[in-house]
Amino acid sequence: MKKIISIFSAIILLLLTINANAQLKKFYTTEMHYGCPSPADEFYFTWDEATGKVVDYYWKHEGTVSFLHTLPSKVVRDEKTLYDYDVYLNVTIKGFESTAYQIRGKLTLTAMRPDGAVFGGVYEGTGVYPMMANGVYVKK
């Protein structure tokens, strides 16, 4: 019984250590433009740098809020540049939860300001439309 408790304690400690070591990064903007010209939208996504897993996402466009689909989403650092990330988001909207819409793009950190970033991508849902935004890159 002591051995089982010891193993269980070790697993919990390992999980806590992994969680504590998670380096969350976030791209945030209130200047997302979609299918131009369009009004500026609030848009953000947060991911774990170590795993690439997207843990939070928000986009409100013309009153419709989209959220993460159950299919995995990821953000992966481009090893060639180290300043670029490939973004793969699977999202959905209320009433269509079984349908995954995709946002594919590139997040580029800007050299002009330490917290600056630019996102450019394509939304593939009811059509295919470009997305672009100037925003902020935050390490949590």
C-alpha atoms as a PDB file:
ATOM      1  CA  MET A   1       0.000   0.000   0.000  1.00  0.00           C
ATOM      2  CA  LYS A   2       2.868   2.400   0.832  1.00  0.00           C
ATOM      3  CA  LYS A   3       4.434   1.652  -2.552  1.00  0.00           C
ATOM      4  CA  ILE A   4       1.180   2.530  -4.348  1.00  0.00           C
ATOM      5  CA  ILE A   5       0.876   5.796  -2.395  1.00  0.00           C
ATOM      6  CA  SER A   6       4.516   6.587  -3.157  1.00  0.00           C
ATOM      7  CA  ILE A   7       4.018   5.971  -6.886  1.00  0.00           C
ATOM      8  CA  PHE A   8       0.800   7.997  -6.863  1.00  0.00           C
ATOM      9  CA  SER A   9       2.599  10.869  -5.074  1.00  0.00           C
ATOM     10  CA  ALA A  10       5.436  10.761  -7.616  1.00  0.00           C
ATOM     11  CA  ILE A  11       2.954  10.963 -10.512  1.00  0.00           C
ATOM     12  CA  ILE A  12       1.186  13.943  -8.959  1.00  0.00           C
ATOM     13  CA  LEU A  13       4.526  15.688  -8.354  1.00  0.00           C
ATOM     14  CA  LEU A  14       5.547  15.050 -11.975  1.00  0.00           C
ATOM     15  CA  LEU A  15       2.262  16.460 -13.287  1.00  0.00           C
ATOM     16  CA  LEU A  16       2.598  19.543 -11.106  1.00  0.00           C
ATOM     17  CA  THR A  17       6.169  20.058 -12.321  1.00  0.00           C
ATOM     18  CA  ILE A  18       5.135  19.730 -15.972  1.00  0.00           C
ATOM     19  CA  ASN A  19       2.293  22.204 -15.450  1.00  0.00           C
ATOM     20  CA  ALA A  20       4.571  24.641 -13.620  1.00  0.00           C
ATOM     21  CA  ASN A  21       7.059  24.476 -16.500  1.00  0.00           C
ATOM     22  CA  ALA A  22       4.439  25.327 -19.109  1.00  0.00           C
ATOM     23  CA  GLN A  23       5.371  28.506 -20.911  1.00  0.00           C
ATOM     24  CA  LEU A  24       2.200  30.099 -22.115  1.00  0.00           C
ATOM     25  CA  LYS A  25       2.371  32.596 -24.968  1.00  0.00           C
ATOM     26  CA  LYS A  26      -0.460  34.762 -26.226  1.00  0.00           C
ATOM     27  CA  PHE A  27      -1.208  36.807 -29.321  1.00  0.00           C
ATOM     28  CA  TYR A  28      -3.798  39.523 -28.707  1.00  0.00           C
ATOM     29  CA  THR A  29      -5.263  42.204 -30.923  1.00  0.00           C
ATOM     30  CA  THR A  30      -8.256  44.479 -31.269  1.00  0.00           C
ATOM     31  CA  GLU A  31      -7.256  45.136 -34.884  1.00  0.00           C
ATOM     32  CA  MET A  32      -8.145  41.868 -36.629  1.00  0.00           C
ATOM     33  CA  HIS A  33      -9.411  42.522 -40.140  1.00  0.00           C
ATOM     34  CA  TYR A  34     -11.212  39.721 -41.922  1.00  0.00           C
ATOM     35  CA  GLY A  35     -12.240  39.597 -45.586  1.00  0.00           C
ATOM     36  CA  CYS A  36     -11.249  43.260 -45.947  1.00  0.00           C
ATOM     37  CA  PRO A  37     -12.538  45.792 -45.692  1.00  0.00           C
ATOM     38  CA  SER A  38     -14.047  45.002 -42.338  1.00  0.00           C
ATOM     39  CA  PRO A  39     -14.389  46.588 -38.918  1.00  0.00           C
ATOM     40  CA  ALA A  40     -11.609  45.744 -36.486  1.00  0.00           C
ATOM     41  CA  ASP A  41     -12.297  42.687 -34.299  1.00  0.00           C
ATOM     42  CA  GLU A  42     -10.937  41.444 -30.974  1.00  0.00           C
ATOM     43  CA  PHE A  43      -8.968  38.229 -31.524  1.00  0.00           C
ATOM     44  CA  TYR A  44      -6.567  36.194 -29.421  1.00  0.00           C
ATOM     45  CA  PHE A  45      -5.116  32.754 -28.887  1.00  0.00           C
ATOM     46  CA  THR A  46      -2.922  31.341 -26.127  1.00  0.00           C
ATOM     47  CA  TRP A  47      -0.667  28.311 -26.461  1.00  0.00           C
ATOM     48  CA  ASP A  48       1.860  26.260 -24.529  1.00  0.00           C
ATOM     49  CA  GLU A  49       5.261  26.900 -26.094  1.00  0.00           C
ATOM     50  CA  ALA A  50       6.587  23.430 -25.171  1.00  0.00           C
ATOM     51  CA  THR A  51       3.724  21.405 -26.670  1.00  0.00           C
ATOM     52  CA  GLY A  52       2.226  23.841 -29.177  1.00  0.00           C
ATOM     53  CA  LYS A  53      -1.232  23.087 -27.793  1.00  0.00           C
ATOM     54  CA  VAL A  54      -3.683  25.979 -28.006  1.00  0.00           C
ATOM     55  CA  VAL A  55      -5.327  26.417 -24.603  1.00  0.00           C
ATOM     56  CA  ASP A  56      -7.456  29.503 -25.211  1.00  0.00           C
ATOM     57  CA  TYR A  57      -8.958  31.275 -28.222  1.00  0.00           C
ATOM     58  CA  TYR A  58     -11.428  34.087 -28.854  1.00  0.00           C
ATOM     59  CA  TRP A  59     -12.702  35.907 -31.912  1.00  0.00           C
ATOM     60  CA  LYS A  60     -15.824  38.001 -32.146  1.00  0.00           C
ATOM     61  CA  HIS A  61     -16.743  39.011 -35.684  1.00  0.00           C
ATOM     62  CA  GLU A  62     -19.918  40.958 -36.393  1.00  0.00           C
ATOM     63  CA  GLY A  63     -21.550  39.686 -33.199  1.00  0.00           C
ATOM     64  CA  THR A  64     -20.616  36.016 -33.679  1.00  0.00           C
ATOM     65  CA  VAL A  65     -18.167  34.517 -31.202  1.00  0.00           C
ATOM     66  CA  SER A  66     -16.137  31.522 -32.318  1.00  0.00           C
ATOM     67  CA  PHE A  67     -14.416  29.127 -29.949  1.00  0.00           C
ATOM     68  CA  LEU A  68     -12.075  26.132 -30.085  1.00  0.00           C
ATOM     69  CA  HIS A  69     -13.411  22.967 -31.703  1.00  0.00           C
ATOM     70  CA  THR A  70     -12.673  19.601 -30.119  1.00  0.00           C
ATOM     71  CA  LEU A  71     -10.145  18.855 -32.891  1.00  0.00           C
ATOM     72  CA  PRO A  72      -6.659  19.832 -31.737  1.00  0.00           C
ATOM     73  CA  SER A  73      -5.252  23.259 -32.524  1.00  0.00           C
ATOM     74  CA  LYS A  74      -1.567  24.088 -32.408  1.00  0.00           C
ATOM     75  CA  VAL A  75       1.016  26.832 -32.781  1.00  0.00           C
ATOM     76  CA  VAL A  76       4.466  25.668 -33.865  1.00  0.00           C
ATOM     77  CA  ARG A  77       7.671  27.720 -33.932  1.00  0.00           C
ATOM     78  CA  ASP A  78       9.337  27.868 -37.338  1.00  0.00           C
ATOM     79  CA  GLU A  79      12.817  26.527 -36.552  1.00  0.00           C
ATOM     80  CA  LYS A  80      14.357  28.294 -39.574  1.00  0.00           C
ATOM     81  CA  THR A  81      13.567  31.822 -38.417  1.00  0.00           C
ATOM     82  CA  LEU A  82      12.808  31.513 -34.667  1.00  0.00           C
ATOM     83  CA  TYR A  83      10.627  34.636 -35.008  1.00  0.00           C
ATOM     84  CA  ASP A  84       7.771  32.987 -36.872  1.00  0.00           C
ATOM     85  CA  TYR A  85       5.070  30.586 -35.747  1.00  0.00           C
ATOM     86  CA  ASP A  86       2.808  28.410 -37.893  1.00  0.00           C
ATOM     87  CA  VAL A  87      -0.735  28.660 -36.572  1.00  0.00           C
ATOM     88  CA  TYR A  88      -3.340  25.899 -36.990  1.00  0.00           C
ATOM     89  CA  LEU A  89      -6.659  26.684 -35.297  1.00  0.00           C
ATOM     90  CA  ASN A  90      -9.760  24.487 -35.451  1.00  0.00           C
ATOM     91  CA  VAL A  91     -12.720  26.601 -34.390  1.00  0.00           C
ATOM     92  CA  THR A  92     -16.502  26.498 -34.409  1.00  0.00           C
ATOM     93  CA  ILE A  93     -19.534  28.613 -33.587  1.00  0.00           C
ATOM     94  CA  LYS A  94     -22.682  28.106 -31.551  1.00  0.00           C
ATOM     95  CA  GLY A  95     -25.209  25.961 -33.375  1.00  0.00           C
ATOM     96  CA  PHE A  96     -22.536  24.319 -35.536  1.00  0.00           C
ATOM     97  CA  GLU A  97     -20.389  22.714 -32.828  1.00  0.00           C
ATOM     98  CA  SER A  98     -19.838  19.532 -34.863  1.00  0.00           C
ATOM     99  CA  THR A  99     -18.317  21.542 -37.722  1.00  0.00           C
ATOM    100  CA  ALA A 100     -14.657  22.536 -37.556  1.00  0.00           C
ATOM    101  CA  TYR A 101     -13.667  25.677 -39.399  1.00  0.00           C
ATOM    102  CA  GLN A 102      -9.960  26.253 -39.911  1.00  0.00           C
ATOM    103  CA  ILE A 103      -7.754  29.265 -39.445  1.00  0.00           C
ATOM    104  CA  ARG A 104      -4.292  28.716 -40.892  1.00  0.00           C
ATOM    105  CA  GLY A 105      -1.650  31.377 -40.736  1.00  0.00           C
ATOM    106  CA  LYS A 106       1.671  32.774 -39.700  1.00  0.00           C
ATOM    107  CA  LEU A 107       2.467  34.769 -36.584  1.00  0.00           C
ATOM    108  CA  THR A 108       5.610  36.886 -36.926  1.00  0.00           C
ATOM    109  CA  LEU A 109       7.279  38.687 -34.046  1.00  0.00           C
ATOM    110  CA  THR A 110       8.335  42.179 -35.042  1.00  0.00           C
ATOM    111  CA  ALA A 111      11.760  43.614 -34.405  1.00  0.00           C
ATOM    112  CA  MET A 112      10.390  47.138 -34.083  1.00  0.00           C
ATOM    113  CA  ARG A 113       8.947  46.580 -30.611  1.00  0.00           C
ATOM    114  CA  PRO A 114       9.675  43.761 -28.172  1.00  0.00           C
ATOM    115  CA  ASP A 115       6.018  42.844 -27.611  1.00  0.00           C
ATOM    116  CA  GLY A 116       4.831  43.367 -31.188  1.00  0.00           C
ATOM    117  CA  ALA A 117       3.591  40.723 -33.580  1.00  0.00           C
ATOM    118  CA  VAL A 118       1.762  40.475 -36.879  1.00  0.00           C
ATOM    119  CA  PHE A 119      -0.692  37.715 -37.793  1.00  0.00           C
ATOM    120  CA  GLY A 120      -1.688  36.869 -41.351  1.00  0.00           C
ATOM    121  CA  GLY A 121      -3.853  33.928 -42.229  1.00  0.00           C
ATOM    122  CA  VAL A 122      -6.772  32.400 -44.037  1.00  0.00           C
ATOM    123  CA  TYR A 123     -10.160  31.496 -42.577  1.00  0.00           C
ATOM    124  CA  GLU A 124     -11.680  28.424 -44.218  1.00  0.00           C
ATOM    125  CA  GLY A 125     -15.300  28.045 -43.257  1.00  0.00           C
ATOM    126  CA  THR A 126     -18.329  29.116 -45.215  1.00  0.00           C
ATOM    127  CA  GLY A 127     -15.823  30.582 -47.662  1.00  0.00           C
ATOM    128  CA  VAL A 128     -12.123  31.337 -47.785  1.00  0.00           C
ATOM    129  CA  TYR A 129     -11.159  34.798 -46.577  1.00  0.00           C
ATOM    130  CA  PRO A 130      -7.896  36.488 -45.586  1.00  0.00           C
ATOM    131  CA  MET A 131      -7.262  37.632 -42.029  1.00  0.00           C
ATOM    132  CA  MET A 132      -4.635  40.105 -40.889  1.00  0.00           C
ATOM    133  CA  ALA A 133      -3.793  41.895 -37.661  1.00  0.00           C
ATOM    134  CA  ASN A 134      -1.163  43.899 -35.867  1.00  0.00           C
ATOM    135  CA  GLY A 135      -1.091  42.901 -32.219  1.00  0.00           C
ATOM    136  CA  VAL A 136       0.803  42.090 -29.052  1.00  0.00           C
ATOM    137  CA  TYR A 137       2.822  38.979 -28.194  1.00  0.00           C
ATOM    138  CA  VAL A 138       2.791  38.205 -24.473  1.00  0.00           C
ATOM    139  CA  LYS A 139       4.744  35.642 -22.456  1.00  0.00           C
ATOM    140  CA  LYS A 140       2.659  34.563 -19.457  1.00  0.00           C
END
